[in-house]
Amino acid sequence: MNDLGATLVDTHAHLDFSQYDKDRDEVLDRAKREAVTQVVTVGFDLESSEQALALARERAEVKACVGVHPHEAGKIDRAFLQRLEELSQDPQVVGIGETGLDYYRDRSPREAQRRVFSQQLELAARVHKPVVIHDRDAHGDVMNIIRQWAEGLSASNGELQAPLGVVHCYSGDQAMAEELFELGFLVSVAGPVTYANASGLQALVGRLPLDRLLVETDCPFLSPDPYRGRRNEPANVRIVASKIAELKNLSLQEVARATTDNARRLFKLE
């Protein structure tokens, strides 16, 4: 097996980014040595979605999500969405995203962000694949949109069943998390949980149920301590899981097994 006695899944990476062009295979090999046996690499726009799928076709341990980040929402047209739907049919694609809202940088008009977010939720329902949601300084609108969508799915007895998706790199409060769980969503924890100034997030993670948590790197971003400021990579998801184990007074093996089970349920991983 490995020194952990369990495996980990990095549920949110951006392995197509140029930061990995010189050593992508070595990065994935290092991940395996840290018991990270599966990585979900997530599209940002059409080009990165296509690259994510190409990588998933090359490496058995990689799966892809295809989607449009809210920063890119202002550029989206009908042809783009049609191509995204074509990509989503591939069996190597396990989710739609990352999509959502970003009111912190506001790189696309908010109306366009909300429209494209809703369009990708509708796509997820059509292709029966979960959504990966980006939410930065937009909690209210994110919840309004996914609440309406999830309730519509329930009313129509749609084929997409819970878990419906994940809010990645979670930054909301406990009340929001509890509603997400009721709606059929999971939340994901990334490197910031290890930061010395993250006491609020640490306390929240300590209270949240383990059967609703995923772990991720969001690499190349958000490296955990002690690697903060350097390029992140999937191997470091073990550090995130270790911090969760510390906060919950559990073993790393327990956290690894639970979060891996959650990832497999969400993304239908084998």
Protein backbone atom coordinates (compact mmCIF):
# COMPACT_ATOMS: atom_id res chain seq x y z
CA MET A 1 0.00 0.00 0.00
CA ASN A 2 1.99 3.01 1.30
CA ASP A 3 3.27 4.40 4.58
CA LEU A 4 -0.15 5.96 5.30
CA GLY A 5 -2.17 2.77 4.99
CA ALA A 6 -4.82 4.72 3.06
CA THR A 7 -5.00 6.94 0.00
CA LEU A 8 -5.74 10.59 -0.66
CA VAL A 9 -7.46 12.44 -3.50
CA ASP A 10 -6.53 15.98 -4.47
CA THR A 11 -9.98 17.09 -5.56
CA HIS A 12 -8.97 20.43 -7.09
CA ALA A 13 -5.78 21.05 -9.04
CA HIS A 14 -4.79 23.01 -12.14
CA LEU A 15 -2.17 20.72 -13.63
CA ASP A 16 -2.53 22.23 -17.09
CA PHE A 17 -0.98 25.51 -15.90
CA SER A 18 2.41 26.47 -17.33
CA GLN A 19 4.05 26.18 -13.89
CA TYR A 20 4.13 22.40 -14.48
CA ASP A 21 5.32 22.35 -18.08
CA LYS A 22 8.85 21.27 -17.16
CA ASP A 23 8.05 18.58 -14.59
CA ARG A 24 4.38 17.54 -14.74
CA ASP A 25 5.14 13.82 -14.68
CA GLU A 26 7.53 14.23 -11.75
CA VAL A 27 4.86 16.21 -9.88
CA LEU A 28 2.40 13.35 -10.26
CA ASP A 29 5.03 10.81 -9.25
CA ARG A 30 5.77 12.79 -6.07
CA ALA A 31 2.06 12.82 -5.31
CA LYS A 32 1.94 9.03 -5.48
CA ARG A 33 4.79 8.81 -2.99
CA GLU A 34 2.65 10.82 -0.56
CA ALA A 35 -0.28 8.41 -1.05
CA VAL A 36 -2.13 10.83 -3.36
CA THR A 37 -3.36 8.30 -5.88
CA GLN A 38 -5.95 10.41 -7.73
CA VAL A 39 -6.02 14.05 -8.81
CA VAL A 40 -8.95 15.98 -10.26
CA THR A 41 -7.64 18.72 -12.54
CA VAL A 42 -10.13 21.50 -13.11
CA GLY A 43 -10.78 23.68 -16.14
CA PHE A 44 -10.73 27.47 -15.98
CA ASP A 45 -11.80 28.29 -19.53
CA LEU A 46 -12.23 26.37 -22.78
CA GLU A 47 -8.51 25.97 -23.46
CA SER A 48 -7.69 24.78 -19.94
CA SER A 49 -10.70 22.45 -19.98
CA GLU A 50 -9.42 20.84 -23.17
CA GLN A 51 -5.94 20.56 -21.67
CA ALA A 52 -7.33 19.04 -18.48
CA LEU A 53 -9.15 16.40 -20.50
CA ALA A 54 -6.04 15.68 -22.57
CA LEU A 55 -4.05 15.14 -19.39
CA ALA A 56 -6.74 12.85 -17.97
CA ARG A 57 -6.56 10.77 -21.12
CA GLU A 58 -2.78 10.43 -20.70
CA ARG A 59 -2.54 9.66 -16.97
CA ALA A 60 -4.74 7.06 -15.33
CA GLU A 61 -4.60 8.79 -11.93
CA VAL A 62 -5.97 12.07 -13.33
CA LYS A 63 -9.60 12.98 -13.97
CA ALA A 64 -10.89 16.24 -15.40
CA CYS A 65 -13.55 18.83 -14.76
CA VAL A 66 -14.52 21.20 -17.57
CA GLY A 67 -15.93 24.65 -17.00
CA VAL A 68 -15.65 28.40 -17.02
CA HIS A 69 -14.31 30.37 -14.08
CA PRO A 70 -16.28 33.54 -13.25
CA HIS A 71 -13.29 35.66 -14.33
CA GLU A 72 -13.95 34.44 -17.88
CA ALA A 73 -17.74 34.75 -17.84
CA GLY A 74 -17.83 37.95 -19.87
CA LYS A 75 -16.27 36.19 -22.86
CA ILE A 76 -18.74 33.31 -23.12
CA ASP A 77 -20.99 32.81 -26.14
CA ARG A 78 -23.28 30.05 -27.38
CA ALA A 79 -20.53 28.28 -29.36
CA PHE A 80 -18.34 28.18 -26.26
CA LEU A 81 -21.07 26.56 -24.20
CA GLN A 82 -21.80 24.06 -26.95
CA ARG A 83 -18.14 23.01 -27.03
CA LEU A 84 -18.12 22.74 -23.23
CA GLU A 85 -21.09 20.38 -23.43
CA GLU A 86 -19.28 18.25 -25.99
CA LEU A 87 -16.26 17.97 -23.70
CA SER A 88 -18.44 17.09 -20.74
CA GLN A 89 -19.61 13.88 -22.44
CA ASP A 90 -16.17 12.30 -22.21
CA PRO A 91 -15.92 9.55 -19.57
CA GLN A 92 -12.70 11.11 -18.25
CA VAL A 93 -14.70 14.20 -17.27
CA VAL A 94 -16.08 13.77 -13.76
CA GLY A 95 -17.55 17.22 -13.10
CA ILE A 96 -18.50 20.66 -14.38
CA GLY A 97 -16.40 23.59 -13.23
CA GLU A 98 -14.94 25.45 -11.88
CA THR A 99 -17.85 27.79 -12.10
CA GLY A 100 -19.39 30.23 -9.66
CA LEU A 101 -19.02 33.86 -8.66
CA ASP A 102 -16.07 36.08 -7.78
CA TYR A 103 -17.04 39.50 -6.47
CA TYR A 104 -13.56 40.12 -5.04
CA ARG A 105 -11.75 40.76 -8.32
CA ASP A 106 -14.85 41.42 -10.46
CA ARG A 107 -13.03 40.59 -13.69
CA SER A 108 -16.35 39.94 -15.43
CA PRO A 109 -19.63 41.83 -14.99
CA ARG A 110 -21.61 40.32 -12.14
CA GLU A 111 -24.67 39.82 -14.31
CA ALA A 112 -22.58 37.79 -16.77
CA GLN A 113 -21.08 35.78 -13.90
CA ARG A 114 -24.52 34.87 -12.59
CA ARG A 115 -25.80 33.96 -16.06
CA VAL A 116 -22.84 31.72 -16.93
CA PHE A 117 -22.93 30.10 -13.50
CA SER A 118 -26.59 29.19 -14.00
CA GLN A 119 -25.88 27.88 -17.50
CA GLN A 120 -23.21 25.55 -16.17
CA LEU A 121 -25.49 24.30 -13.41
CA GLU A 122 -28.04 23.48 -16.10
CA LEU A 123 -25.31 21.68 -18.05
CA ALA A 124 -24.40 19.65 -14.97
CA ALA A 125 -28.01 18.56 -14.61
CA ARG A 126 -28.20 17.54 -18.28
CA VAL A 127 -25.03 15.44 -18.23
CA HIS A 128 -25.56 14.14 -14.68
CA LYS A 129 -22.22 15.32 -13.34
CA PRO A 130 -21.49 17.30 -10.16
CA VAL A 131 -20.46 20.94 -10.10
CA VAL A 132 -17.28 22.48 -8.70
CA ILE A 133 -18.10 25.93 -7.34
CA HIS A 134 -15.84 28.93 -6.86
CA ASP A 135 -17.20 31.42 -4.33
CA ARG A 136 -15.24 34.53 -3.37
CA ASP A 137 -17.02 37.36 -1.57
CA ALA A 138 -20.29 36.26 -3.19
CA HIS A 139 -21.87 33.97 -0.59
CA GLY A 140 -25.39 35.39 -0.84
CA ASP A 141 -25.74 35.18 -4.61
CA VAL A 142 -23.99 31.79 -4.78
CA MET A 143 -26.44 30.37 -2.28
CA ASN A 144 -29.47 31.92 -3.99
CA ILE A 145 -28.50 30.41 -7.33
CA ILE A 146 -27.62 26.92 -6.14
CA ARG A 147 -30.60 26.79 -3.78
CA GLN A 148 -32.97 27.43 -6.66
CA TRP A 149 -31.14 24.94 -8.87
CA ALA A 150 -31.00 22.18 -6.25
CA GLU A 151 -34.66 22.61 -5.37
CA GLY A 152 -35.54 22.42 -9.05
CA LEU A 153 -33.60 19.17 -9.38
CA SER A 154 -35.49 17.70 -6.44
CA ALA A 155 -38.84 18.76 -7.81
CA SER A 156 -38.11 17.24 -11.21
CA ASN A 157 -36.68 13.98 -9.81
CA GLY A 158 -33.62 14.55 -11.99
CA GLU A 159 -30.99 11.87 -12.52
CA LEU A 160 -28.27 13.92 -10.82
CA GLN A 161 -28.35 12.80 -7.21
CA ALA A 162 -26.52 13.99 -4.10
CA PRO A 163 -23.77 14.81 -3.66
CA LEU A 164 -24.55 17.46 -6.26
CA GLY A 165 -21.22 19.24 -6.07
CA VAL A 166 -18.61 20.95 -3.93
CA VAL A 167 -17.84 24.50 -2.90
CA HIS A 168 -14.08 24.43 -3.21
CA CYS A 169 -11.62 26.21 -0.93
CA TYR A 170 -14.51 26.89 1.41
CA SER A 171 -14.66 30.39 2.93
CA GLY A 172 -18.22 30.61 4.26
CA ASP A 173 -19.49 30.22 7.81
CA GLN A 174 -21.07 27.28 9.61
CA ALA A 175 -24.65 28.26 8.80
CA MET A 176 -23.84 28.37 5.09
CA ALA A 177 -22.05 25.02 5.30
CA GLU A 178 -25.03 23.43 7.03
CA GLU A 179 -27.39 24.66 4.33
CA LEU A 180 -25.03 23.38 1.65
CA PHE A 181 -25.07 19.97 3.29
CA GLU A 182 -28.88 20.00 3.37
CA LEU A 183 -28.96 20.88 -0.33
CA GLY A 184 -26.65 17.97 -1.12
CA PHE A 185 -23.25 19.65 -1.39
CA LEU A 186 -19.84 19.00 0.11
CA VAL A 187 -17.17 21.56 1.00
CA SER A 188 -13.46 21.35 0.34
CA VAL A 189 -10.54 22.45 2.50
CA ALA A 190 -7.26 23.73 1.06
CA GLY A 191 -3.89 25.05 2.20
CA PRO A 192 -5.17 28.14 4.08
CA VAL A 193 -6.35 25.88 6.91
CA THR A 194 -2.68 25.49 7.84
CA TYR A 195 -1.95 29.24 8.11
CA ALA A 196 -1.21 30.78 11.49
CA ASN A 197 -3.76 33.56 10.90
CA ALA A 198 -6.58 31.14 9.99
CA SER A 199 -7.97 30.49 13.47
CA GLY A 200 -11.56 31.08 12.36
CA LEU A 201 -11.31 28.61 9.49
CA GLN A 202 -9.54 26.11 11.72
CA ALA A 203 -12.28 26.30 14.33
CA LEU A 204 -14.94 25.85 11.65
CA VAL A 205 -13.22 22.86 10.08
CA GLY A 206 -12.94 21.32 13.52
CA ARG A 207 -16.74 21.45 13.84
CA LEU A 208 -17.77 20.34 10.35
CA PRO A 209 -18.70 16.67 9.85
CA LEU A 210 -15.93 14.62 8.28
CA ASP A 211 -18.34 12.86 5.93
CA ARG A 212 -19.00 16.19 4.16
CA LEU A 213 -15.36 17.27 3.68
CA LEU A 214 -12.95 17.00 0.78
CA VAL A 215 -9.29 17.98 0.62
CA GLU A 216 -7.61 19.88 -2.19
CA THR A 217 -4.55 21.91 -3.10
CA ASP A 218 -5.90 24.35 -5.73
CA CYS A 219 -2.35 24.06 -7.02
CA PRO A 220 -0.29 25.87 -8.17
CA PHE A 221 -1.90 28.30 -5.71
CA LEU A 222 -2.39 28.29 -1.92
CA SER A 223 0.58 26.23 -0.79
CA PRO A 224 0.20 25.10 2.81
CA ASP A 225 2.70 25.92 5.51
CA PRO A 226 5.66 25.36 5.48
CA TYR A 227 5.65 25.86 1.68
CA ARG A 228 3.61 29.06 1.59
CA GLY A 229 4.79 31.34 -1.19
CA ARG A 230 6.12 28.49 -3.35
CA ARG A 231 4.45 26.59 -6.17
CA ASN A 232 1.88 24.19 -4.77
CA GLU A 233 1.42 20.61 -6.02
CA PRO A 234 -0.84 17.61 -5.32
CA ALA A 235 1.60 15.93 -2.90
CA ASN A 236 0.89 18.76 -0.46
CA VAL A 237 -2.73 17.69 -0.01
CA ARG A 238 -1.35 15.33 2.62
CA ILE A 239 -0.39 18.39 4.70
CA VAL A 240 -3.96 19.67 4.47
CA ALA A 241 -5.33 16.31 5.58
CA SER A 242 -2.84 16.20 8.45
CA LYS A 243 -4.03 19.59 9.68
CA ILE A 244 -7.66 18.46 9.57
CA ALA A 245 -6.69 15.38 11.56
CA GLU A 246 -5.02 17.60 14.17
CA LEU A 247 -8.05 19.90 14.39
CA LYS A 248 -10.44 16.97 14.81
CA ASN A 249 -8.20 14.91 17.09
CA LEU A 250 -8.25 12.06 14.58
CA SER A 251 -5.55 10.07 12.85
CA LEU A 252 -4.37 11.07 9.40
CA GLN A 253 -5.46 7.63 8.23
CA GLU A 254 -9.04 8.29 9.37
CA VAL A 255 -9.16 11.63 7.56
CA ALA A 256 -7.60 10.16 4.43
CA ARG A 257 -10.11 7.31 4.29
CA ALA A 258 -13.14 9.54 4.89
CA THR A 259 -12.19 12.30 2.45
CA THR A 260 -11.24 9.76 -0.20
CA ASP A 261 -14.60 8.03 0.21
CA ASN A 262 -16.31 11.41 -0.13
CA ALA A 263 -14.35 12.22 -3.29
CA ARG A 264 -15.22 8.88 -4.82
CA ARG A 265 -18.91 9.38 -4.07
CA LEU A 266 -18.90 12.86 -5.55
CA PHE A 267 -16.90 12.22 -8.70
CA LYS A 268 -17.78 8.51 -9.17
CA LEU A 269 -14.10 7.57 -8.97
CA GLU A 270 -13.00 3.94 -8.95
